[in-house]
Amino acid sequence: MKKLFSVSLIFFIVACNSSNKNSSLFHNIGIGAKLDSLNGVKVYYNESFSNTSGRNITPDGYNLGLKYQCVEFVKRYYYEHYDHKMPNPWGNAKDFFMKGLKDGQLNSDRGLIQCENGSSLKPEIGNLIVFDGSVFNNYGHVAIVSKVSENEIEVIQQNCGTSTRVNYGLIYENSKFTIKESRILGWLKK
């Protein structure tokens, strides 16, 4: 079991660090240290993807999630940057994507428009990207789009070690936009 866990951890670290400009696996930093930011919303270091440091609750009682997890960052980003509270403040990362909704419909749990990976709507800066779970991470992952070009997007993320930015290819084919990453379910937008 210990060997399987170490292989899983190595796979997770490699996956989170692929195509990353800010990657450094061996920083001597503490949990909660600022790593990066987008529009003034900070990304914090979490040491390990399974680490939790208590729940982050806003002064008005809104649940942002477990400190320094990926969900906490994206909910904090939407709360601080857009003044947006999600109607359903609970759930794992992969649960942000409501299966069964058609492309462009309202995701009522998140109060956002949901786009499939293969959408007629192009990803935009500030969109919330949702990754499905995997054998190594059953909870999924979420990130925020930080840059968009004709053939690539960059996301900013929390809880991938010191890896905060990752690039993915973007293709436009048959009037649909697809991010070239098989685990991406889609994106949510205001």
C-alpha atoms as a PDB file:
ATOM      1  CA  MET A   1       0.000   0.000   0.000  1.00  0.00           C
ATOM      2  CA  LYS A   2       2.859   2.378   0.864  1.00  0.00           C
ATOM      3  CA  LYS A   3       4.425   1.848  -2.582  1.00  0.00           C
ATOM      4  CA  LEU A   4       1.083   2.542  -4.317  1.00  0.00           C
ATOM      5  CA  PHE A   5       0.686   5.762  -2.292  1.00  0.00           C
ATOM      6  CA  SER A   6       4.190   6.969  -3.215  1.00  0.00           C
ATOM      7  CA  VAL A   7       3.541   6.237  -6.916  1.00  0.00           C
ATOM      8  CA  SER A   8       0.212   8.100  -6.642  1.00  0.00           C
ATOM      9  CA  LEU A   9       1.889  11.087  -5.000  1.00  0.00           C
ATOM     10  CA  ILE A  10       4.603  11.214  -7.675  1.00  0.00           C
ATOM     11  CA  PHE A  11       1.953  11.041 -10.431  1.00  0.00           C
ATOM     12  CA  PHE A  12      -0.027  13.869  -8.791  1.00  0.00           C
ATOM     13  CA  ILE A  13       3.078  16.066  -8.445  1.00  0.00           C
ATOM     14  CA  VAL A  14       4.109  15.471 -12.057  1.00  0.00           C
ATOM     15  CA  ALA A  15       0.570  16.149 -13.327  1.00  0.00           C
ATOM     16  CA  CYS A  16       0.282  19.378 -11.349  1.00  0.00           C
ATOM     17  CA  ASN A  17       3.720  20.551 -12.482  1.00  0.00           C
ATOM     18  CA  SER A  18       3.403  19.867 -16.208  1.00  0.00           C
ATOM     19  CA  SER A  19       3.985  22.929 -18.397  1.00  0.00           C
ATOM     20  CA  ASN A  20       4.464  25.115 -15.322  1.00  0.00           C
ATOM     21  CA  LYS A  21       6.539  28.300 -15.414  1.00  0.00           C
ATOM     22  CA  ASN A  22       6.688  28.715 -11.612  1.00  0.00           C
ATOM     23  CA  SER A  23       7.482  25.095 -10.694  1.00  0.00           C
ATOM     24  CA  SER A  24       9.928  24.272  -7.949  1.00  0.00           C
ATOM     25  CA  LEU A  25       9.310  21.055  -6.029  1.00  0.00           C
ATOM     26  CA  PHE A  26      11.676  21.728  -3.159  1.00  0.00           C
ATOM     27  CA  HIS A  27      10.886  25.144  -1.709  1.00  0.00           C
ATOM     28  CA  ASN A  28      11.390  25.509   2.025  1.00  0.00           C
ATOM     29  CA  ILE A  29       8.152  27.377   2.658  1.00  0.00           C
ATOM     30  CA  GLY A  30       5.364  27.006   5.181  1.00  0.00           C
ATOM     31  CA  ILE A  31       1.718  26.104   4.793  1.00  0.00           C
ATOM     32  CA  GLY A  32      -0.280  29.230   4.031  1.00  0.00           C
ATOM     33  CA  ALA A  33       2.621  31.083   2.362  1.00  0.00           C
ATOM     34  CA  LYS A  34       1.582  33.223  -0.623  1.00  0.00           C
ATOM     35  CA  LEU A  35       2.721  31.716  -3.934  1.00  0.00           C
ATOM     36  CA  ASP A  36       0.920  33.783  -6.577  1.00  0.00           C
ATOM     37  CA  SER A  37      -2.196  35.875  -7.184  1.00  0.00           C
ATOM     38  CA  LEU A  38      -4.741  36.822  -9.833  1.00  0.00           C
ATOM     39  CA  ASN A  39      -6.596  40.135  -9.611  1.00  0.00           C
ATOM     40  CA  GLY A  40      -5.408  40.489  -6.020  1.00  0.00           C
ATOM     41  CA  VAL A  41      -6.728  37.072  -4.924  1.00  0.00           C
ATOM     42  CA  LYS A  42      -3.860  35.072  -3.438  1.00  0.00           C
ATOM     43  CA  VAL A  43      -2.834  31.477  -4.055  1.00  0.00           C
ATOM     44  CA  TYR A  44      -1.464  29.812  -0.921  1.00  0.00           C
ATOM     45  CA  TYR A  45       0.906  26.893  -0.388  1.00  0.00           C
ATOM     46  CA  ASN A  46      -0.635  23.696   1.036  1.00  0.00           C
ATOM     47  CA  GLU A  47       2.393  21.367   1.313  1.00  0.00           C
ATOM     48  CA  SER A  48       0.419  18.239   0.308  1.00  0.00           C
ATOM     49  CA  PHE A  49      -2.765  17.826  -1.730  1.00  0.00           C
ATOM     50  CA  SER A  50      -4.336  15.910   1.180  1.00  0.00           C
ATOM     51  CA  ASN A  51      -3.489  18.539   3.810  1.00  0.00           C
ATOM     52  CA  THR A  52      -6.247  20.595   5.426  1.00  0.00           C
ATOM     53  CA  SER A  53      -5.827  23.591   7.718  1.00  0.00           C
ATOM     54  CA  GLY A  54      -9.352  24.219   8.941  1.00  0.00           C
ATOM     55  CA  ARG A  55     -12.331  25.748   7.188  1.00  0.00           C
ATOM     56  CA  ASN A  56     -12.245  29.243   5.658  1.00  0.00           C
ATOM     57  CA  ILE A  57     -15.469  31.104   6.475  1.00  0.00           C
ATOM     58  CA  THR A  58     -16.071  34.715   5.396  1.00  0.00           C
ATOM     59  CA  PRO A  59     -17.091  37.355   7.980  1.00  0.00           C
ATOM     60  CA  ASP A  60     -20.693  37.072   6.725  1.00  0.00           C
ATOM     61  CA  GLY A  61     -20.703  33.263   7.284  1.00  0.00           C
ATOM     62  CA  TYR A  62     -20.189  32.026   3.709  1.00  0.00           C
ATOM     63  CA  ASN A  63     -18.240  28.744   3.484  1.00  0.00           C
ATOM     64  CA  LEU A  64     -15.236  29.074   1.155  1.00  0.00           C
ATOM     65  CA  GLY A  65     -13.997  25.557   1.890  1.00  0.00           C
ATOM     66  CA  LEU A  66     -11.026  23.867   3.510  1.00  0.00           C
ATOM     67  CA  LYS A  67      -8.055  26.221   3.686  1.00  0.00           C
ATOM     68  CA  TYR A  68      -5.526  25.979   0.872  1.00  0.00           C
ATOM     69  CA  GLN A  69      -7.435  23.335  -1.099  1.00  0.00           C
ATOM     70  CA  CYS A  70      -8.255  24.060  -4.766  1.00  0.00           C
ATOM     71  CA  VAL A  71     -11.979  24.541  -4.046  1.00  0.00           C
ATOM     72  CA  GLU A  72     -11.213  27.169  -1.394  1.00  0.00           C
ATOM     73  CA  PHE A  73      -9.164  29.189  -3.910  1.00  0.00           C
ATOM     74  CA  VAL A  74     -11.763  29.245  -6.699  1.00  0.00           C
ATOM     75  CA  LYS A  75     -14.621  30.039  -4.318  1.00  0.00           C
ATOM     76  CA  ARG A  76     -12.531  32.765  -2.670  1.00  0.00           C
ATOM     77  CA  TYR A  77     -11.654  34.139  -6.129  1.00  0.00           C
ATOM     78  CA  TYR A  78     -15.328  34.359  -7.126  1.00  0.00           C
ATOM     79  CA  TYR A  79     -16.285  35.808  -3.734  1.00  0.00           C
ATOM     80  CA  GLU A  80     -13.525  38.460  -3.624  1.00  0.00           C
ATOM     81  CA  HIS A  81     -13.256  39.364  -7.319  1.00  0.00           C
ATOM     82  CA  TYR A  82     -16.885  39.033  -8.452  1.00  0.00           C
ATOM     83  CA  ASP A  83     -18.749  39.314  -5.113  1.00  0.00           C
ATOM     84  CA  HIS A  84     -20.328  35.969  -6.038  1.00  0.00           C
ATOM     85  CA  LYS A  85     -21.599  33.426  -3.516  1.00  0.00           C
ATOM     86  CA  MET A  86     -22.388  29.994  -4.874  1.00  0.00           C
ATOM     87  CA  PRO A  87     -25.906  28.813  -3.920  1.00  0.00           C
ATOM     88  CA  ASN A  88     -24.491  25.419  -2.905  1.00  0.00           C
ATOM     89  CA  PRO A  89     -21.364  26.128  -0.826  1.00  0.00           C
ATOM     90  CA  TRP A  90     -20.454  22.422  -0.477  1.00  0.00           C
ATOM     91  CA  GLY A  91     -18.929  19.723  -2.659  1.00  0.00           C
ATOM     92  CA  ASN A  92     -15.684  18.347  -3.984  1.00  0.00           C
ATOM     93  CA  ALA A  93     -13.971  19.888  -6.988  1.00  0.00           C
ATOM     94  CA  LYS A  94     -15.474  17.519  -9.574  1.00  0.00           C
ATOM     95  CA  ASP A  95     -18.957  18.252  -8.153  1.00  0.00           C
ATOM     96  CA  PHE A  96     -18.743  21.821  -9.490  1.00  0.00           C
ATOM     97  CA  PHE A  97     -19.661  20.422 -12.910  1.00  0.00           C
ATOM     98  CA  MET A  98     -23.317  19.377 -12.978  1.00  0.00           C
ATOM     99  CA  LYS A  99     -23.529  16.333 -15.240  1.00  0.00           C
ATOM    100  CA  GLY A 100     -26.585  16.215 -17.477  1.00  0.00           C
ATOM    101  CA  LEU A 101     -26.753  19.963 -18.144  1.00  0.00           C
ATOM    102  CA  LYS A 102     -26.600  21.069 -21.753  1.00  0.00           C
ATOM    103  CA  ASP A 103     -23.842  23.397 -22.895  1.00  0.00           C
ATOM    104  CA  GLY A 104     -24.600  27.015 -21.943  1.00  0.00           C
ATOM    105  CA  GLN A 105     -27.228  26.229 -19.285  1.00  0.00           C
ATOM    106  CA  LEU A 106     -27.282  27.643 -15.747  1.00  0.00           C
ATOM    107  CA  ASN A 107     -25.582  25.459 -13.150  1.00  0.00           C
ATOM    108  CA  SER A 108     -27.980  26.229 -10.275  1.00  0.00           C
ATOM    109  CA  ASP A 109     -25.618  24.843  -7.594  1.00  0.00           C
ATOM    110  CA  ARG A 110     -22.925  27.357  -8.553  1.00  0.00           C
ATOM    111  CA  GLY A 111     -25.037  30.200  -9.977  1.00  0.00           C
ATOM    112  CA  LEU A 112     -22.874  30.157 -13.124  1.00  0.00           C
ATOM    113  CA  ILE A 113     -23.259  29.228 -16.799  1.00  0.00           C
ATOM    114  CA  GLN A 114     -21.823  25.786 -17.476  1.00  0.00           C
ATOM    115  CA  CYS A 115     -19.855  24.991 -20.644  1.00  0.00           C
ATOM    116  CA  GLU A 116     -18.859  21.502 -21.737  1.00  0.00           C
ATOM    117  CA  ASN A 117     -15.293  20.841 -22.835  1.00  0.00           C
ATOM    118  CA  GLY A 118     -16.326  21.114 -26.457  1.00  0.00           C
ATOM    119  CA  SER A 119     -18.465  24.238 -26.070  1.00  0.00           C
ATOM    120  CA  SER A 120     -19.651  26.876 -28.507  1.00  0.00           C
ATOM    121  CA  LEU A 121     -18.536  29.402 -25.840  1.00  0.00           C
ATOM    122  CA  LYS A 122     -14.799  30.112 -25.690  1.00  0.00           C
ATOM    123  CA  PRO A 123     -13.091  29.964 -22.271  1.00  0.00           C
ATOM    124  CA  GLU A 124     -12.392  33.450 -20.866  1.00  0.00           C
ATOM    125  CA  ILE A 125     -10.175  34.874 -18.160  1.00  0.00           C
ATOM    126  CA  GLY A 126     -11.884  34.307 -14.816  1.00  0.00           C
ATOM    127  CA  ASN A 127     -13.745  31.158 -15.874  1.00  0.00           C
ATOM    128  CA  LEU A 128     -13.647  28.278 -13.412  1.00  0.00           C
ATOM    129  CA  ILE A 129     -12.197  25.090 -14.961  1.00  0.00           C
ATOM    130  CA  VAL A 130     -13.442  21.745 -13.576  1.00  0.00           C
ATOM    131  CA  PHE A 131     -11.358  18.558 -13.775  1.00  0.00           C
ATOM    132  CA  ASP A 132     -12.876  15.127 -13.223  1.00  0.00           C
ATOM    133  CA  GLY A 133     -11.557  12.783 -10.553  1.00  0.00           C
ATOM    134  CA  SER A 134      -9.006  10.098 -11.342  1.00  0.00           C
ATOM    135  CA  VAL A 135      -7.641   6.911  -9.828  1.00  0.00           C
ATOM    136  CA  PHE A 136      -5.068   9.041  -7.993  1.00  0.00           C
ATOM    137  CA  ASN A 137      -7.393  11.904  -7.026  1.00  0.00           C
ATOM    138  CA  ASN A 138     -11.046  10.947  -6.670  1.00  0.00           C
ATOM    139  CA  TYR A 139     -12.076  14.511  -5.681  1.00  0.00           C
ATOM    140  CA  GLY A 140     -11.190  16.191  -8.985  1.00  0.00           C
ATOM    141  CA  HIS A 141      -9.593  19.615  -9.280  1.00  0.00           C
ATOM    142  CA  VAL A 142     -10.637  23.194 -10.031  1.00  0.00           C
ATOM    143  CA  ALA A 143      -8.666  26.193 -11.294  1.00  0.00           C
ATOM    144  CA  ILE A 144      -9.247  29.671 -12.741  1.00  0.00           C
ATOM    145  CA  VAL A 145      -8.425  30.701 -16.321  1.00  0.00           C
ATOM    146  CA  SER A 146      -5.716  33.385 -16.085  1.00  0.00           C
ATOM    147  CA  LYS A 147      -4.828  33.859 -19.795  1.00  0.00           C
ATOM    148  CA  VAL A 148      -6.406  32.981 -23.134  1.00  0.00           C
ATOM    149  CA  SER A 149      -4.910  33.076 -26.614  1.00  0.00           C
ATOM    150  CA  GLU A 150      -6.053  31.677 -29.936  1.00  0.00           C
ATOM    151  CA  ASN A 151      -4.613  28.227 -29.266  1.00  0.00           C
ATOM    152  CA  GLU A 152      -3.861  28.055 -25.530  1.00  0.00           C
ATOM    153  CA  ILE A 153      -5.189  28.826 -22.072  1.00  0.00           C
ATOM    154  CA  GLU A 154      -3.306  29.280 -18.821  1.00  0.00           C
ATOM    155  CA  VAL A 155      -4.875  28.398 -15.485  1.00  0.00           C
ATOM    156  CA  ILE A 156      -3.946  29.498 -11.983  1.00  0.00           C
ATOM    157  CA  GLN A 157      -4.468  26.914  -9.261  1.00  0.00           C
ATOM    158  CA  GLN A 158      -3.962  26.164  -5.602  1.00  0.00           C
ATOM    159  CA  ASN A 159      -2.987  22.881  -3.916  1.00  0.00           C
ATOM    160  CA  CYS A 160      -0.528  21.511  -6.479  1.00  0.00           C
ATOM    161  CA  GLY A 161       2.628  21.989  -4.437  1.00  0.00           C
ATOM    162  CA  THR A 162       4.338  25.154  -5.651  1.00  0.00           C
ATOM    163  CA  SER A 163       2.899  24.787  -9.152  1.00  0.00           C
ATOM    164  CA  THR A 164       0.484  27.669  -9.640  1.00  0.00           C
ATOM    165  CA  ARG A 165       0.236  28.098 -13.429  1.00  0.00           C
ATOM    166  CA  VAL A 166      -0.271  25.483 -16.141  1.00  0.00           C
ATOM    167  CA  ASN A 167      -0.894  25.876 -19.880  1.00  0.00           C
ATOM    168  CA  TYR A 168      -3.245  23.726 -21.964  1.00  0.00           C
ATOM    169  CA  GLY A 169      -3.826  23.671 -25.689  1.00  0.00           C
ATOM    170  CA  LEU A 170      -7.106  25.102 -27.004  1.00  0.00           C
ATOM    171  CA  ILE A 171      -8.573  24.005 -30.301  1.00  0.00           C
ATOM    172  CA  TYR A 172     -11.504  25.390 -32.265  1.00  0.00           C
ATOM    173  CA  GLU A 173     -13.053  22.823 -34.536  1.00  0.00           C
ATOM    174  CA  ASN A 174     -16.597  22.314 -35.869  1.00  0.00           C
ATOM    175  CA  SER A 175     -17.694  25.540 -34.093  1.00  0.00           C
ATOM    176  CA  LYS A 176     -16.608  24.144 -30.693  1.00  0.00           C
ATOM    177  CA  PHE A 177     -13.814  25.074 -28.266  1.00  0.00           C
ATOM    178  CA  THR A 178     -12.001  22.179 -26.618  1.00  0.00           C
ATOM    179  CA  ILE A 179      -9.238  22.365 -24.014  1.00  0.00           C
ATOM    180  CA  LYS A 180      -6.707  19.628 -24.727  1.00  0.00           C
ATOM    181  CA  GLU A 181      -6.792  17.819 -21.381  1.00  0.00           C
ATOM    182  CA  SER A 182      -8.907  14.670 -21.087  1.00  0.00           C
ATOM    183  CA  ARG A 183      -9.828  15.231 -17.405  1.00  0.00           C
ATOM    184  CA  ILE A 184     -11.362  18.680 -18.015  1.00  0.00           C
ATOM    185  CA  LEU A 185     -15.142  18.352 -17.834  1.00  0.00           C
ATOM    186  CA  GLY A 186     -15.743  21.994 -18.752  1.00  0.00           C
ATOM    187  CA  TRP A 187     -15.817  25.520 -17.373  1.00  0.00           C
ATOM    188  CA  LEU A 188     -18.196  27.775 -15.486  1.00  0.00           C
ATOM    189  CA  LYS A 189     -18.657  31.478 -16.196  1.00  0.00           C
ATOM    190  CA  LYS A 190     -20.573  34.523 -14.940  1.00  0.00           C
END
